[in-house]
Amino acid sequence: ALGRAAGEASGARAALAAFGGLGPQFG
């Protein structure tokens, strides 16, 4: 479960980094 959660967290971080360039409106 810890391994799966860590994988999900890294995926979420990557998605968040990708969305970071969309600007303050998106935030």
PDB file of all heavy atoms in Angstrom:
ATOM      1  N   ALA A   1       0.830  -1.204   0.000  1.00  0.00           N
ATOM      2  CA  ALA A   1       0.000   0.000   0.000  1.00  0.00           C
ATOM      3  C   ALA A   1       0.864   1.253   0.000  1.00  0.00           C
ATOM      4  O   ALA A   1       0.553   2.234  -0.685  1.00  0.00           O
ATOM      5  CB  ALA A   1      -0.927  -0.004   1.203  1.00  0.00           C
ATOM      6  N   LEU A   2       1.957   1.219   0.754  1.00  0.00           N
ATOM      7  CA  LEU A   2       2.869   2.362   0.791  1.00  0.00           C
ATOM      8  C   LEU A   2       3.508   2.590  -0.578  1.00  0.00           C
ATOM      9  O   LEU A   2       3.624   3.724  -1.039  1.00  0.00           O
ATOM     10  CB  LEU A   2       3.948   2.143   1.846  1.00  0.00           C
ATOM     11  CG  LEU A   2       4.972   3.255   2.011  1.00  0.00           C
ATOM     12  CD1 LEU A   2       4.287   4.527   2.466  1.00  0.00           C
ATOM     13  CD2 LEU A   2       6.038   2.841   3.005  1.00  0.00           C
ATOM     14  N   GLY A   3       3.904   1.514  -1.234  1.00  0.00           N
ATOM     15  CA  GLY A   3       4.487   1.634  -2.575  1.00  0.00           C
ATOM     16  C   GLY A   3       3.496   2.210  -3.577  1.00  0.00           C
ATOM     17  O   GLY A   3       3.840   3.077  -4.385  1.00  0.00           O
ATOM     18  N   ARG A   4       2.240   1.737  -3.510  1.00  0.00           N
ATOM     19  CA  ARG A   4       1.217   2.272  -4.410  1.00  0.00           C
ATOM     20  C   ARG A   4       0.952   3.749  -4.133  1.00  0.00           C
ATOM     21  O   ARG A   4       0.826   4.554  -5.050  1.00  0.00           O
ATOM     22  CB  ARG A   4      -0.074   1.462  -4.287  1.00  0.00           C
ATOM     23  CG  ARG A   4       0.022   0.079  -4.920  1.00  0.00           C
ATOM     24  CD  ARG A   4      -1.332  -0.615  -4.960  1.00  0.00           C
ATOM     25  NE  ARG A   4      -1.912  -0.807  -3.630  1.00  0.00           N
ATOM     26  CZ  ARG A   4      -1.640  -1.814  -2.823  1.00  0.00           C
ATOM     27  NH1 ARG A   4      -0.769  -2.743  -3.201  1.00  0.00           N
ATOM     28  NH2 ARG A   4      -2.225  -1.915  -1.642  1.00  0.00           N
ATOM     29  N   ALA A   5       0.894   4.107  -2.856  1.00  0.00           N
ATOM     30  CA  ALA A   5       0.661   5.510  -2.496  1.00  0.00           C
ATOM     31  C   ALA A   5       1.815   6.395  -2.973  1.00  0.00           C
ATOM     32  O   ALA A   5       1.594   7.508  -3.451  1.00  0.00           O
ATOM     33  CB  ALA A   5       0.469   5.647  -0.992  1.00  0.00           C
ATOM     34  N   ALA A   6       3.037   5.897  -2.839  1.00  0.00           N
ATOM     35  CA  ALA A   6       4.196   6.671  -3.304  1.00  0.00           C
ATOM     36  C   ALA A   6       4.140   6.845  -4.820  1.00  0.00           C
ATOM     37  O   ALA A   6       4.455   7.924  -5.342  1.00  0.00           O
ATOM     38  CB  ALA A   6       5.490   5.983  -2.896  1.00  0.00           C
ATOM     39  N   GLY A   7       3.730   5.797  -5.542  1.00  0.00           N
ATOM     40  CA  GLY A   7       3.584   5.903  -6.995  1.00  0.00           C
ATOM     41  C   GLY A   7       2.519   6.908  -7.383  1.00  0.00           C
ATOM     42  O   GLY A   7       2.707   7.711  -8.308  1.00  0.00           O
ATOM     43  N   GLU A   8       1.389   6.884  -6.675  1.00  0.00           N
ATOM     44  CA  GLU A   8       0.327   7.847  -6.944  1.00  0.00           C
ATOM     45  C   GLU A   8       0.787   9.272  -6.644  1.00  0.00           C
ATOM     46  O   GLU A   8       0.477  10.202  -7.389  1.00  0.00           O
ATOM     47  CB  GLU A   8      -0.914   7.519  -6.120  1.00  0.00           C
ATOM     48  CG  GLU A   8      -1.634   6.277  -6.566  1.00  0.00           C
ATOM     49  CD  GLU A   8      -2.794   5.922  -5.643  1.00  0.00           C
ATOM     50  OE1 GLU A   8      -3.169   6.744  -4.781  1.00  0.00           O
ATOM     51  OE2 GLU A   8      -3.328   4.810  -5.804  1.00  0.00           O
ATOM     52  N   ALA A   9       1.531   9.434  -5.557  1.00  0.00           N
ATOM     53  CA  ALA A   9       2.017  10.764  -5.185  1.00  0.00           C
ATOM     54  C   ALA A   9       2.989  11.306  -6.238  1.00  0.00           C
ATOM     55  O   ALA A   9       2.928  12.483  -6.595  1.00  0.00           O
ATOM     56  CB  ALA A   9       2.690  10.720  -3.818  1.00  0.00           C
ATOM     57  N   SER A  10       3.868  10.452  -6.746  1.00  0.00           N
ATOM     58  CA  SER A  10       4.814  10.928  -7.762  1.00  0.00           C
ATOM     59  C   SER A  10       4.071  11.273  -9.048  1.00  0.00           C
ATOM     60  O   SER A  10       4.408  12.249  -9.722  1.00  0.00           O
ATOM     61  CB  SER A  10       5.899   9.897  -8.020  1.00  0.00           C
ATOM     62  OG  SER A  10       5.351   8.736  -8.620  1.00  0.00           O
ATOM     63  N   GLY A  11       3.036  10.500  -9.382  1.00  0.00           N
ATOM     64  CA  GLY A  11       2.219  10.826 -10.554  1.00  0.00           C
ATOM     65  C   GLY A  11       1.489  12.141 -10.371  1.00  0.00           C
ATOM     66  O   GLY A  11       1.394  12.959 -11.303  1.00  0.00           O
ATOM     67  N   ALA A  12       0.982  12.371  -9.171  1.00  0.00           N
ATOM     68  CA  ALA A  12       0.279  13.627  -8.889  1.00  0.00           C
ATOM     69  C   ALA A  12       1.243  14.810  -8.952  1.00  0.00           C
ATOM     70  O   ALA A  12       0.895  15.872  -9.466  1.00  0.00           O
ATOM     71  CB  ALA A  12      -0.385  13.561  -7.521  1.00  0.00           C
ATOM     72  N   ARG A  13       2.473  14.609  -8.439  1.00  0.00           N
ATOM     73  CA  ARG A  13       3.461  15.684  -8.519  1.00  0.00           C
ATOM     74  C   ARG A  13       3.802  16.027  -9.970  1.00  0.00           C
ATOM     75  O   ARG A  13       3.950  17.194 -10.326  1.00  0.00           O
ATOM     76  CB  ARG A  13       4.733  15.302  -7.767  1.00  0.00           C
ATOM     77  CG  ARG A  13       4.664  15.506  -6.271  1.00  0.00           C
ATOM     78  CD  ARG A  13       6.050  15.493  -5.660  1.00  0.00           C
ATOM     79  NE  ARG A  13       6.323  14.671  -4.536  1.00  0.00           N
ATOM     80  CZ  ARG A  13       6.034  13.398  -4.297  1.00  0.00           C
ATOM     81  NH1 ARG A  13       5.396  12.707  -5.155  1.00  0.00           N
ATOM     82  NH2 ARG A  13       6.367  12.788  -3.190  1.00  0.00           N
ATOM     83  N   ALA A  14       3.935  14.995 -10.785  1.00  0.00           N
ATOM     84  CA  ALA A  14       4.242  15.224 -12.204  1.00  0.00           C
ATOM     85  C   ALA A  14       3.091  15.960 -12.883  1.00  0.00           C
ATOM     86  O   ALA A  14       3.310  16.886 -13.677  1.00  0.00           O
ATOM     87  CB  ALA A  14       4.512  13.896 -12.899  1.00  0.00           C
ATOM     88  N   ALA A  15       1.848  15.557 -12.592  1.00  0.00           N
ATOM     89  CA  ALA A  15       0.694  16.233 -13.185  1.00  0.00           C
ATOM     90  C   ALA A  15       0.619  17.674 -12.713  1.00  0.00           C
ATOM     91  O   ALA A  15       0.328  18.582 -13.501  1.00  0.00           O
ATOM     92  CB  ALA A  15      -0.589  15.484 -12.827  1.00  0.00           C
ATOM     93  N   LEU A  16       0.889  17.902 -11.440  1.00  0.00           N
ATOM     94  CA  LEU A  16       0.861  19.260 -10.909  1.00  0.00           C
ATOM     95  C   LEU A  16       1.926  20.126 -11.566  1.00  0.00           C
ATOM     96  O   LEU A  16       1.675  21.285 -11.896  1.00  0.00           O
ATOM     97  CB  LEU A  16       1.066  19.220  -9.396  1.00  0.00           C
ATOM     98  CG  LEU A  16       0.953  20.543  -8.654  1.00  0.00           C
ATOM     99  CD1 LEU A  16      -0.422  21.155  -8.857  1.00  0.00           C
ATOM    100  CD2 LEU A  16       1.214  20.320  -7.175  1.00  0.00           C
ATOM    101  N   ALA A  17       3.106  19.566 -11.780  1.00  0.00           N
ATOM    102  CA  ALA A  17       4.169  20.315 -12.446  1.00  0.00           C
ATOM    103  C   ALA A  17       3.771  20.657 -13.880  1.00  0.00           C
ATOM    104  O   ALA A  17       4.046  21.755 -14.372  1.00  0.00           O
ATOM    105  CB  ALA A  17       5.465  19.513 -12.432  1.00  0.00           C
ATOM    106  N   ALA A  18       3.077  19.723 -14.547  1.00  0.00           N
ATOM    107  CA  ALA A  18       2.637  19.982 -15.917  1.00  0.00           C
ATOM    108  C   ALA A  18       1.587  21.091 -15.964  1.00  0.00           C
ATOM    109  O   ALA A  18       1.566  21.903 -16.888  1.00  0.00           O
ATOM    110  CB  ALA A  18       2.082  18.706 -16.531  1.00  0.00           C
ATOM    111  N   PHE A  19       0.713  21.129 -14.940  1.00  0.00           N
ATOM    112  CA  PHE A  19      -0.334  22.146 -14.906  1.00  0.00           C
ATOM    113  C   PHE A  19       0.165  23.484 -14.379  1.00  0.00           C
ATOM    114  O   PHE A  19      -0.540  24.485 -14.481  1.00  0.00           O
ATOM    115  CB  PHE A  19      -1.505  21.679 -14.045  1.00  0.00           C
ATOM    116  CG  PHE A  19      -2.327  20.601 -14.682  1.00  0.00           C
ATOM    117  CD1 PHE A  19      -2.577  19.425 -13.997  1.00  0.00           C
ATOM    118  CD2 PHE A  19      -2.840  20.751 -15.955  1.00  0.00           C
ATOM    119  CE1 PHE A  19      -3.326  18.424 -14.575  1.00  0.00           C
ATOM    120  CE2 PHE A  19      -3.598  19.754 -16.543  1.00  0.00           C
ATOM    121  CZ  PHE A  19      -3.844  18.587 -15.851  1.00  0.00           C
ATOM    122  N   GLY A  20       1.352  23.503 -13.817  1.00  0.00           N
ATOM    123  CA  GLY A  20       1.897  24.733 -13.250  1.00  0.00           C
ATOM    124  C   GLY A  20       2.051  25.846 -14.267  1.00  0.00           C
ATOM    125  O   GLY A  20       1.949  27.026 -13.914  1.00  0.00           O
ATOM    126  N   GLY A  21       2.256  25.513 -15.508  1.00  0.00           N
ATOM    127  CA  GLY A  21       2.451  26.514 -16.544  1.00  0.00           C
ATOM    128  C   GLY A  21       1.167  27.112 -17.081  1.00  0.00           C
ATOM    129  O   GLY A  21       1.207  27.978 -17.958  1.00  0.00           O
ATOM    130  N   LEU A  22       0.027  26.697 -16.591  1.00  0.00           N
ATOM    131  CA  LEU A  22      -1.244  27.184 -17.119  1.00  0.00           C
ATOM    132  C   LEU A  22      -1.663  28.535 -16.554  1.00  0.00           C
ATOM    133  O   LEU A  22      -2.611  29.129 -17.033  1.00  0.00           O
ATOM    134  CB  LEU A  22      -2.350  26.152 -16.878  1.00  0.00           C
ATOM    135  CG  LEU A  22      -2.172  24.838 -17.623  1.00  0.00           C
ATOM    136  CD1 LEU A  22      -3.281  23.874 -17.251  1.00  0.00           C
ATOM    137  CD2 LEU A  22      -2.151  25.053 -19.125  1.00  0.00           C
ATOM    138  N   GLY A  23      -0.988  29.001 -15.530  1.00  0.00           N
ATOM    139  CA  GLY A  23      -1.259  30.343 -15.033  1.00  0.00           C
ATOM    140  C   GLY A  23      -2.066  30.386 -13.755  1.00  0.00           C
ATOM    141  O   GLY A  23      -2.557  29.377 -13.260  1.00  0.00           O
ATOM    142  N   PRO A  24      -2.220  31.602 -13.223  1.00  0.00           N
ATOM    143  CA  PRO A  24      -2.911  31.772 -11.941  1.00  0.00           C
ATOM    144  C   PRO A  24      -4.410  31.463 -12.008  1.00  0.00           C
ATOM    145  O   PRO A  24      -5.013  31.056 -11.024  1.00  0.00           O
ATOM    146  CB  PRO A  24      -2.670  33.230 -11.575  1.00  0.00           C
ATOM    147  CG  PRO A  24      -2.236  33.895 -12.820  1.00  0.00           C
ATOM    148  CD  PRO A  24      -1.658  32.843 -13.714  1.00  0.00           C
ATOM    149  N   GLN A  25      -5.039  31.667 -13.182  1.00  0.00           N
ATOM    150  CA  GLN A  25      -6.466  31.371 -13.304  1.00  0.00           C
ATOM    151  C   GLN A  25      -6.710  29.881 -13.048  1.00  0.00           C
ATOM    152  O   GLN A  25      -7.677  29.503 -12.393  1.00  0.00           O
ATOM    153  CB  GLN A  25      -7.025  31.731 -14.686  1.00  0.00           C
ATOM    154  CG  GLN A  25      -6.803  33.154 -15.099  1.00  0.00           C
ATOM    155  CD  GLN A  25      -5.487  33.345 -15.854  1.00  0.00           C
ATOM    156  OE1 GLN A  25      -4.613  32.483 -15.841  1.00  0.00           O
ATOM    157  NE2 GLN A  25      -5.352  34.503 -16.485  1.00  0.00           N
ATOM    158  N   PHE A  26      -5.830  29.070 -13.586  1.00  0.00           N
ATOM    159  CA  PHE A  26      -5.982  27.631 -13.390  1.00  0.00           C
ATOM    160  C   PHE A  26      -5.796  27.273 -11.923  1.00  0.00           C
ATOM    161  O   PHE A  26      -6.510  26.421 -11.392  1.00  0.00           O
ATOM    162  CB  PHE A  26      -4.983  26.853 -14.256  1.00  0.00           C
ATOM    163  CG  PHE A  26      -5.110  25.375 -14.069  1.00  0.00           C
ATOM    164  CD1 PHE A  26      -6.137  24.683 -14.671  1.00  0.00           C
ATOM    165  CD2 PHE A  26      -4.219  24.686 -13.272  1.00  0.00           C
ATOM    166  CE1 PHE A  26      -6.278  23.319 -14.488  1.00  0.00           C
ATOM    167  CE2 PHE A  26      -4.344  23.322 -13.078  1.00  0.00           C
ATOM    168  CZ  PHE A  26      -5.382  22.641 -13.689  1.00  0.00           C
ATOM    169  N   GLY A  27      -4.868  27.927 -11.256  1.00  0.00           N
ATOM    170  CA  GLY A  27      -4.652  27.678  -9.840  1.00  0.00           C
ATOM    171  C   GLY A  27      -5.895  27.972  -9.017  1.00  0.00           C
ATOM    172  O   GLY A  27      -6.262  27.215  -8.123  1.00  0.00           O
TER     173      GLY A  27
END
